[in-house]
């Protein structure tokens, strides 16, 4: 009688053990099935940079970051506008100064500005024109760099295994609150 209870108890324990093991295996299968990892394309960053070099904003479209395209074209358009405006003013003051050197007295600003003021205005507009050109080239370079870095970051795997959380705990020695940052990685 005693051995019969022992066998029934043993079968009951084995049944619950295998039953929970079966549930855990099914949960593990569903977890593995729900996580779909895309294969990493090592050429994606170079493609995005190449596309952005050919046509600004095309690399951002390749990365499916369409909201960045107006920013790229806005920066290029602003640089182009200021380049043209400063270039026009530079050539205007340069032509006025050349006409003064040739001896024309009906030139614009003849009695108003001295030669030193016109030379200074000419240098200022030339410097601003060159700065505008550098800004346009900088926006173009940032467009290429952004497409490349964004394509690299799209391949970066962020899931539940890696977490960064703030931590507030009481120090056992002096009974004061400590603030920390906890980086967890589960294998």
Protein backbone atom coordinates (compact mmCIF):
# COMPACT_ATOMS: atom_id res chain seq x y z
CA UNK A 1 0.00 0.00 0.00
CA UNK A 2 2.81 2.32 0.91
CA UNK A 3 4.63 1.55 -2.34
CA UNK A 4 1.45 2.25 -4.35
CA UNK A 5 1.20 5.75 -2.90
CA UNK A 6 4.87 6.30 -3.59
CA UNK A 7 4.46 5.25 -7.23
CA UNK A 8 1.38 7.49 -7.65
CA UNK A 9 3.21 10.40 -6.02
CA UNK A 10 6.23 9.77 -8.26
CA UNK A 11 4.05 9.65 -11.43
CA UNK A 12 2.27 12.85 -10.33
CA UNK A 13 5.59 14.67 -9.87
CA UNK A 14 6.95 13.44 -13.19
CA UNK A 15 3.74 14.48 -14.92
CA UNK A 16 3.91 18.02 -13.58
CA UNK A 17 7.62 18.25 -14.36
CA UNK A 18 7.17 17.11 -17.96
CA UNK A 19 4.03 19.20 -18.31
CA UNK A 20 5.82 22.40 -17.29
CA UNK A 21 8.81 21.45 -19.39
CA UNK A 22 6.50 21.07 -22.38
CA UNK A 23 4.99 24.51 -21.73
CA UNK A 24 8.46 26.05 -21.43
CA UNK A 25 9.56 24.46 -24.70
CA UNK A 26 6.44 25.73 -26.49
CA UNK A 27 6.99 29.22 -25.06
CA UNK A 28 10.60 29.12 -26.21
CA UNK A 29 9.49 28.10 -29.71
CA UNK A 30 7.00 30.95 -29.90
CA UNK A 31 9.62 33.39 -28.64
CA UNK A 32 12.06 32.22 -31.28
CA UNK A 33 9.37 32.36 -33.95
CA UNK A 34 8.32 35.92 -33.07
CA UNK A 35 11.81 37.39 -33.31
CA UNK A 36 12.65 37.84 -36.95
CA UNK A 37 16.16 39.02 -37.59
CA UNK A 38 16.89 40.51 -40.96
CA UNK A 39 20.18 39.48 -42.44
CA UNK A 40 22.78 42.24 -42.30
CA UNK A 41 23.71 43.76 -45.64
CA UNK A 42 27.32 44.96 -45.24
CA UNK A 43 27.07 47.10 -48.37
CA UNK A 44 24.04 49.09 -47.19
CA UNK A 45 26.05 51.94 -45.59
CA UNK A 46 28.24 52.37 -48.64
CA UNK A 47 25.19 52.29 -50.93
CA UNK A 48 23.47 54.96 -48.85
CA UNK A 49 26.56 57.17 -48.90
CA UNK A 50 26.97 56.68 -52.65
CA UNK A 51 23.33 57.54 -53.30
CA UNK A 52 23.63 60.68 -51.19
CA UNK A 53 26.78 61.69 -53.02
CA UNK A 54 25.06 61.33 -56.39
CA UNK A 55 21.84 63.11 -55.41
CA UNK A 56 21.53 64.74 -51.97
CA UNK A 57 18.70 63.16 -50.01
CA UNK A 58 18.68 59.91 -51.99
CA UNK A 59 20.63 58.11 -49.27
CA UNK A 60 18.06 59.22 -46.71
CA UNK A 61 15.32 57.85 -48.97
CA UNK A 62 17.28 54.59 -49.27
CA UNK A 63 17.34 54.39 -45.45
CA UNK A 64 13.59 55.21 -45.38
CA UNK A 65 14.19 58.40 -43.36
CA UNK A 66 12.10 60.61 -45.61
CA UNK A 67 11.68 63.39 -43.05
CA UNK A 68 15.40 64.26 -43.40
CA UNK A 69 15.18 65.07 -47.11
CA UNK A 70 13.58 68.55 -46.66
CA UNK A 71 16.26 69.39 -44.08
CA UNK A 72 19.02 68.52 -46.56
CA UNK A 73 17.47 70.55 -49.36
CA UNK A 74 16.64 73.42 -46.99
CA UNK A 75 20.28 73.64 -45.89
CA UNK A 76 21.53 73.50 -49.49
CA UNK A 77 18.97 76.08 -50.63
CA UNK A 78 19.85 78.49 -47.80
CA UNK A 79 23.54 78.21 -48.60
CA UNK A 80 22.86 78.73 -52.32
CA UNK A 81 20.66 81.76 -51.65
CA UNK A 82 23.24 83.49 -49.46
CA UNK A 83 26.03 82.61 -51.89
CA UNK A 84 24.17 84.25 -54.78
CA UNK A 85 23.18 87.31 -52.73
CA UNK A 86 26.71 87.92 -51.45
CA UNK A 87 28.24 87.22 -54.87
CA UNK A 88 25.92 89.78 -56.50
CA UNK A 89 26.81 92.43 -53.88
CA UNK A 90 30.53 91.62 -54.16
CA UNK A 91 30.49 92.10 -57.94
CA UNK A 92 28.47 95.30 -57.59
CA UNK A 93 31.02 96.91 -55.23
CA UNK A 94 33.92 95.56 -57.27
CA UNK A 95 32.52 97.13 -60.45
CA UNK A 96 31.93 100.44 -58.63
CA UNK A 97 35.54 100.46 -57.42
CA UNK A 98 36.87 99.61 -60.90
CA UNK A 99 34.85 102.45 -62.43
CA UNK A 100 36.24 104.85 -59.82
CA UNK A 101 39.78 103.80 -60.68
CA UNK A 102 39.04 104.45 -64.36
CA UNK A 103 37.96 107.99 -63.46
CA UNK A 104 34.19 107.84 -63.95
CA UNK A 105 32.39 110.29 -61.67
CA UNK A 106 28.82 109.25 -62.44
CA UNK A 107 29.35 105.88 -60.71
CA UNK A 108 26.95 104.80 -58.00
CA UNK A 109 27.85 105.98 -54.47
CA UNK A 110 30.45 108.44 -55.86
CA UNK A 111 29.92 111.25 -53.41
CA UNK A 112 28.54 109.04 -50.65
CA UNK A 113 31.21 106.43 -49.89
CA UNK A 114 34.97 106.71 -49.95
CA UNK A 115 37.25 104.19 -51.65
CA UNK A 116 38.13 102.61 -48.30
CA UNK A 117 34.47 101.94 -47.50
CA UNK A 118 33.90 100.36 -50.92
CA UNK A 119 37.02 98.19 -50.58
CA UNK A 120 35.88 97.10 -47.09
CA UNK A 121 32.36 96.29 -48.39
CA UNK A 122 33.92 94.33 -51.25
CA UNK A 123 36.04 92.25 -48.84
CA UNK A 124 33.08 91.67 -46.51
CA UNK A 125 30.83 90.39 -49.29
CA UNK A 126 33.64 88.23 -50.66
CA UNK A 127 34.21 86.68 -47.22
CA UNK A 128 30.48 86.09 -46.72
CA UNK A 129 30.25 84.53 -50.19
CA UNK A 130 33.09 82.14 -49.37
CA UNK A 131 31.53 81.24 -46.02
CA UNK A 132 28.22 80.51 -47.77
CA UNK A 133 30.02 78.19 -50.17
CA UNK A 134 31.67 76.38 -47.25
CA UNK A 135 28.28 76.00 -45.56
CA UNK A 136 26.83 74.48 -48.73
CA UNK A 137 29.74 72.04 -48.96
CA UNK A 138 29.35 71.25 -45.25
CA UNK A 139 25.65 70.47 -45.63
CA UNK A 140 26.46 68.28 -48.64
CA UNK A 141 29.13 66.40 -46.64
CA UNK A 142 26.81 66.05 -43.64
CA UNK A 143 24.17 64.63 -45.96
CA UNK A 144 26.57 61.87 -47.04
CA UNK A 145 27.81 61.21 -43.49
CA UNK A 146 24.25 61.09 -42.14
CA UNK A 147 23.17 58.54 -44.75
CA UNK A 148 26.19 56.35 -43.99
CA UNK A 149 25.83 56.48 -40.20
CA UNK A 150 22.07 55.98 -40.36
CA UNK A 151 22.52 52.88 -42.53
CA UNK A 152 25.02 51.54 -39.99
CA UNK A 153 22.62 52.18 -37.11
CA UNK A 154 19.73 50.48 -38.91
CA UNK A 155 21.74 47.26 -38.69
CA UNK A 156 22.33 47.68 -34.96
CA UNK A 157 20.32 45.10 -33.04
CA UNK A 158 18.46 46.47 -30.04
CA UNK A 159 16.26 43.98 -28.20
CA UNK A 160 15.26 43.02 -24.68
CA UNK A 161 18.64 41.44 -23.93
CA UNK A 162 20.31 44.83 -23.65
CA UNK A 163 18.85 47.36 -21.24
CA UNK A 164 20.00 50.56 -19.59
CA UNK A 165 18.01 51.66 -16.55
CA UNK A 166 18.40 54.26 -13.84
CA UNK A 167 18.89 52.83 -10.38
CA UNK A 168 18.11 54.47 -7.01
CA UNK A 169 19.15 52.56 -3.92
CA UNK A 170 20.05 53.18 -0.29
CA UNK A 171 23.69 52.80 0.70
CA UNK A 172 24.02 50.34 3.61
CA UNK A 173 26.98 52.12 5.20
CA UNK A 174 25.72 55.68 5.58
CA UNK A 175 21.99 55.13 4.90
CA UNK A 176 21.92 57.73 2.09
CA UNK A 177 20.39 57.44 -1.34
CA UNK A 178 22.67 56.64 -4.24
CA UNK A 179 21.80 57.21 -7.85
CA UNK A 180 23.29 54.99 -10.49
CA UNK A 181 22.92 53.63 -13.97
CA UNK A 182 22.61 49.89 -14.56
CA UNK A 183 23.59 48.26 -17.85
CA UNK A 184 22.23 44.73 -18.16
CA UNK A 185 23.02 42.24 -20.86
CA UNK A 186 21.38 38.84 -20.66
CA UNK A 187 22.77 35.94 -22.63
